[in-house]
Amino acid sequence: MDVYKRPYSQDYPVVCMDESPKQLIEQIHQPIPMKIGQPARIDYDYIRNGVVNIFMANEPLMGKRVVQVTESKTKKDWAKFMKGLESQYQKAKKITIVMDNFQTHSPSAFYETFEPQQAKRLWDRFEFVFTPKHGSWLNMAEIELHVLNGQCLKRHLSSMTQVQQEVTAWQQNRNNKNSKINWQFTTPDARVKLKRLYPSIDD
């Protein structure tokens, strides 16, 4: 919560990062159009074409987000996404990343993907702030993923190319609007809601 209260700084931007799967579904039959004002009839017989992964990074104070669709969510996928994200902040001295403590989010991901010198350079570019266990909802990137799913991915898409096209159009539109999140959850709120996560002190 204290990280979210930091004022905007070009030298030390705060960026939230998360990832989410998207199932690829191909419709066998086209929806049957209905009368005006009524929803189309949809045949729920479909073909599963696998799953893709969506990486989301958003800078809340600037209303900026970076989204990438990948075939998987391995350590190397994450490391490459983080390298691309770092390139968006070349003028920054240090980039604060808020994310969950998933097993792929580790220094070894950089060293398994890049040469040691580049891996260390990338790792040193970030300050990682991990959300607490069972508290990933504190990551504002989850909100952006929810908006993305609701606005353009909440329907059948059959290929990774289709998902990429939808995500790219959504990202450009939302960035152009400078859409920001009105975050109002504070440290006092967290102490009440997350009381069970704090250690108890005996009198």
Protein backbone atom coordinates (compact mmCIF):
# COMPACT_ATOMS: atom_id res chain seq x y z
CA MET A 1 0.00 0.00 0.00
CA ASP A 2 2.87 2.36 0.76
CA VAL A 3 4.28 1.66 -2.71
CA TYR A 4 1.02 2.79 -4.28
CA LYS A 5 1.19 6.06 -2.31
CA ARG A 6 4.50 7.05 -3.87
CA PRO A 7 4.24 10.18 -6.06
CA TYR A 8 4.90 9.80 -9.77
CA SER A 9 8.57 9.72 -10.67
CA GLN A 10 10.02 9.21 -14.13
CA ASP A 11 13.20 7.98 -12.45
CA TYR A 12 11.39 5.45 -10.23
CA PRO A 13 8.13 4.37 -11.89
CA VAL A 14 5.79 1.91 -10.16
CA VAL A 15 4.49 -0.79 -12.50
CA CYS A 16 2.09 -3.66 -11.71
CA MET A 17 2.50 -6.98 -13.52
CA ASP A 18 0.32 -10.09 -13.79
CA GLU A 19 -0.58 -12.88 -16.22
CA SER A 20 -3.72 -14.76 -17.18
CA PRO A 21 -4.64 -17.70 -19.46
CA LYS A 22 -7.03 -17.37 -22.38
CA GLN A 23 -8.64 -20.47 -23.82
CA LEU A 24 -8.86 -20.63 -27.61
CA ILE A 25 -12.31 -21.75 -28.71
CA GLU A 26 -13.50 -22.25 -32.27
CA GLN A 27 -17.22 -22.19 -32.98
CA ILE A 28 -18.48 -25.01 -35.19
CA HIS A 29 -21.71 -23.23 -36.15
CA GLN A 30 -22.29 -19.52 -36.69
CA PRO A 31 -24.70 -17.80 -34.25
CA ILE A 32 -28.26 -17.49 -35.55
CA PRO A 33 -29.36 -13.84 -35.70
CA MET A 34 -32.56 -12.99 -33.82
CA LYS A 35 -35.01 -10.13 -33.92
CA ILE A 36 -33.75 -6.64 -33.14
CA GLY A 37 -33.10 -6.25 -29.45
CA GLN A 38 -32.77 -9.97 -28.80
CA PRO A 39 -29.48 -11.88 -28.37
CA ALA A 40 -28.33 -14.25 -31.09
CA ARG A 41 -28.82 -17.97 -30.54
CA ILE A 42 -25.47 -19.67 -30.02
CA ASP A 43 -24.75 -23.36 -30.49
CA TYR A 44 -22.55 -24.40 -27.58
CA ASP A 45 -20.83 -27.11 -29.60
CA TYR A 46 -17.24 -25.93 -30.09
CA ILE A 47 -13.62 -27.02 -30.58
CA ARG A 48 -10.87 -26.32 -28.06
CA ASN A 49 -7.70 -25.02 -29.72
CA GLY A 50 -5.52 -24.86 -26.63
CA VAL A 51 -4.60 -21.99 -24.32
CA VAL A 52 -2.44 -18.89 -24.64
CA ASN A 53 -0.99 -16.69 -21.90
CA ILE A 54 -1.48 -12.96 -21.52
CA PHE A 55 1.15 -10.87 -19.74
CA MET A 56 -0.11 -7.57 -18.39
CA ALA A 57 1.92 -4.66 -17.03
CA ASN A 58 0.35 -1.32 -16.14
CA GLU A 59 1.68 1.90 -14.67
CA PRO A 60 -1.27 3.18 -12.61
CA LEU A 61 -0.17 6.80 -12.21
CA MET A 62 0.37 7.24 -15.97
CA GLY A 63 -2.57 5.24 -17.30
CA LYS A 64 -0.16 3.16 -19.38
CA ARG A 65 -0.20 -0.56 -19.98
CA VAL A 66 1.90 -3.07 -21.92
CA VAL A 67 0.30 -6.38 -22.93
CA GLN A 68 1.84 -9.40 -24.64
CA VAL A 69 0.34 -12.71 -25.74
CA THR A 70 2.56 -15.80 -25.54
CA GLU A 71 2.09 -19.49 -26.22
CA SER A 72 3.16 -20.39 -22.68
CA LYS A 73 4.10 -18.86 -19.29
CA THR A 74 7.51 -20.38 -18.61
CA LYS A 75 10.44 -18.67 -16.89
CA LYS A 76 11.85 -17.72 -20.26
CA ASP A 77 8.52 -16.24 -21.40
CA TRP A 78 8.41 -14.10 -18.27
CA ALA A 79 12.07 -13.05 -18.58
CA LYS A 80 11.57 -11.98 -22.20
CA PHE A 81 8.44 -10.04 -21.29
CA MET A 82 10.33 -8.27 -18.50
CA LYS A 83 13.16 -7.42 -20.89
CA GLY A 84 10.64 -5.85 -23.27
CA LEU A 85 9.04 -3.98 -20.38
CA GLU A 86 12.42 -2.68 -19.24
CA SER A 87 13.03 -1.25 -22.70
CA GLN A 88 9.91 0.91 -22.23
CA TYR A 89 11.62 2.64 -19.28
CA GLN A 90 15.15 3.29 -20.50
CA LYS A 91 15.32 6.67 -18.74
CA ALA A 92 14.30 5.22 -15.37
CA LYS A 93 16.94 4.62 -12.71
CA LYS A 94 14.96 1.80 -11.09
CA ILE A 95 11.62 0.22 -11.98
CA THR A 96 9.42 -0.95 -9.12
CA ILE A 97 7.41 -4.05 -10.08
CA VAL A 98 4.40 -5.15 -8.04
CA MET A 99 3.54 -8.82 -8.72
CA ASP A 100 2.72 -12.13 -7.07
CA ASN A 101 5.40 -14.51 -5.88
CA PHE A 102 4.88 -17.07 -8.67
CA GLN A 103 7.62 -19.66 -9.16
CA THR A 104 8.66 -18.27 -12.55
CA HIS A 105 9.24 -14.79 -11.09
CA SER A 106 12.80 -15.33 -9.92
CA PRO A 107 16.40 -14.30 -10.72
CA SER A 108 17.03 -17.71 -12.26
CA ALA A 109 14.56 -16.84 -15.03
CA PHE A 110 16.91 -14.14 -16.31
CA TYR A 111 19.99 -16.35 -16.01
CA GLU A 112 18.29 -19.24 -17.83
CA THR A 113 17.27 -16.94 -20.67
CA PHE A 114 20.13 -14.47 -21.15
CA GLU A 115 23.89 -14.30 -20.82
CA PRO A 116 25.02 -13.70 -17.19
CA GLN A 117 26.02 -10.09 -17.75
CA GLN A 118 22.69 -9.17 -19.34
CA ALA A 119 20.76 -11.22 -16.77
CA LYS A 120 22.34 -9.31 -13.88
CA ARG A 121 21.81 -5.97 -15.62
CA LEU A 122 18.11 -6.75 -16.03
CA TRP A 123 17.66 -8.02 -12.48
CA ASP A 124 19.35 -4.90 -11.09
CA ARG A 125 17.00 -2.66 -13.10
CA PHE A 126 14.01 -3.78 -11.03
CA GLU A 127 12.84 -3.47 -7.45
CA PHE A 128 10.41 -6.35 -6.90
CA VAL A 129 7.51 -5.94 -4.49
CA PHE A 130 5.54 -9.15 -3.98
CA THR A 131 1.89 -9.26 -2.98
CA PRO A 132 1.15 -11.43 0.08
CA LYS A 133 -0.01 -15.02 -0.25
CA HIS A 134 -3.75 -15.11 -1.03
CA GLY A 135 -3.52 -11.36 -1.58
CA SER A 136 -2.85 -11.17 -5.32
CA TRP A 137 -5.97 -8.97 -5.63
CA LEU A 138 -3.79 -6.18 -4.22
CA ASN A 139 -2.07 -6.11 -7.61
CA MET A 140 -3.67 -3.49 -9.85
CA ALA A 141 -2.65 -5.47 -12.93
CA GLU A 142 -5.45 -7.89 -12.00
CA ILE A 143 -7.92 -5.04 -12.46
CA GLU A 144 -6.53 -4.30 -15.92
CA LEU A 145 -6.79 -7.98 -16.86
CA HIS A 146 -10.42 -7.96 -15.71
CA VAL A 147 -11.12 -4.90 -17.89
CA LEU A 148 -9.35 -6.52 -20.85
CA ASN A 149 -11.38 -9.72 -20.51
CA GLY A 150 -14.62 -7.83 -20.11
CA GLN A 151 -14.10 -5.43 -23.00
CA CYS A 152 -12.67 -7.64 -25.73
CA LEU A 153 -11.82 -11.22 -24.72
CA LYS A 154 -15.13 -12.36 -23.21
CA ARG A 155 -16.07 -14.29 -26.35
CA HIS A 156 -14.88 -17.15 -28.48
CA LEU A 157 -11.52 -16.54 -30.19
CA SER A 158 -10.05 -19.46 -32.08
CA SER A 159 -6.40 -18.51 -32.60
CA MET A 160 -3.46 -16.79 -30.96
CA THR A 161 -3.40 -14.32 -33.87
CA GLN A 162 -6.97 -13.26 -33.14
CA VAL A 163 -6.17 -12.76 -29.45
CA GLN A 164 -3.08 -10.71 -30.34
CA GLN A 165 -5.09 -8.47 -32.67
CA GLU A 166 -7.78 -7.86 -30.06
CA VAL A 167 -5.27 -7.21 -27.29
CA THR A 168 -3.21 -4.79 -29.41
CA ALA A 169 -6.29 -2.77 -30.39
CA TRP A 170 -7.49 -2.68 -26.76
CA GLN A 171 -4.07 -1.60 -25.46
CA GLN A 172 -3.78 1.24 -27.97
CA ASN A 173 -7.32 2.46 -27.27
CA ARG A 174 -6.97 2.33 -23.49
CA ASN A 175 -3.54 3.99 -23.54
CA ASN A 176 -4.80 6.74 -25.84
CA LYS A 177 -7.61 7.43 -23.38
CA ASN A 178 -5.05 7.61 -20.56
CA SER A 179 -7.39 5.39 -18.53
CA LYS A 180 -6.35 5.17 -14.87
CA ILE A 181 -7.45 3.09 -11.88
CA ASN A 182 -9.09 4.91 -8.98
CA TRP A 183 -7.33 2.92 -6.23
CA GLN A 184 -8.66 3.75 -2.75
CA PHE A 185 -7.55 0.77 -0.64
CA THR A 186 -5.19 2.13 2.02
CA THR A 187 -2.72 0.79 4.58
CA PRO A 188 -5.26 1.16 7.47
CA ASP A 189 -7.79 -0.76 5.36
CA ALA A 190 -5.22 -3.49 4.79
CA ARG A 191 -4.49 -3.80 8.52
CA VAL A 192 -8.18 -4.49 9.12
CA LYS A 193 -8.93 -6.72 6.13
CA LEU A 194 -5.62 -8.64 6.30
CA LYS A 195 -5.42 -8.81 10.11
CA ARG A 196 -5.01 -12.60 10.06
CA LEU A 197 -1.80 -12.24 8.02
CA TYR A 198 -0.10 -10.08 10.66
CA PRO A 199 1.85 -11.82 13.44
CA SER A 200 0.18 -11.73 16.83
CA ILE A 201 1.91 -10.04 19.77
CA ASP A 202 1.48 -11.52 23.24
CA ASP A 203 1.02 -9.12 26.16
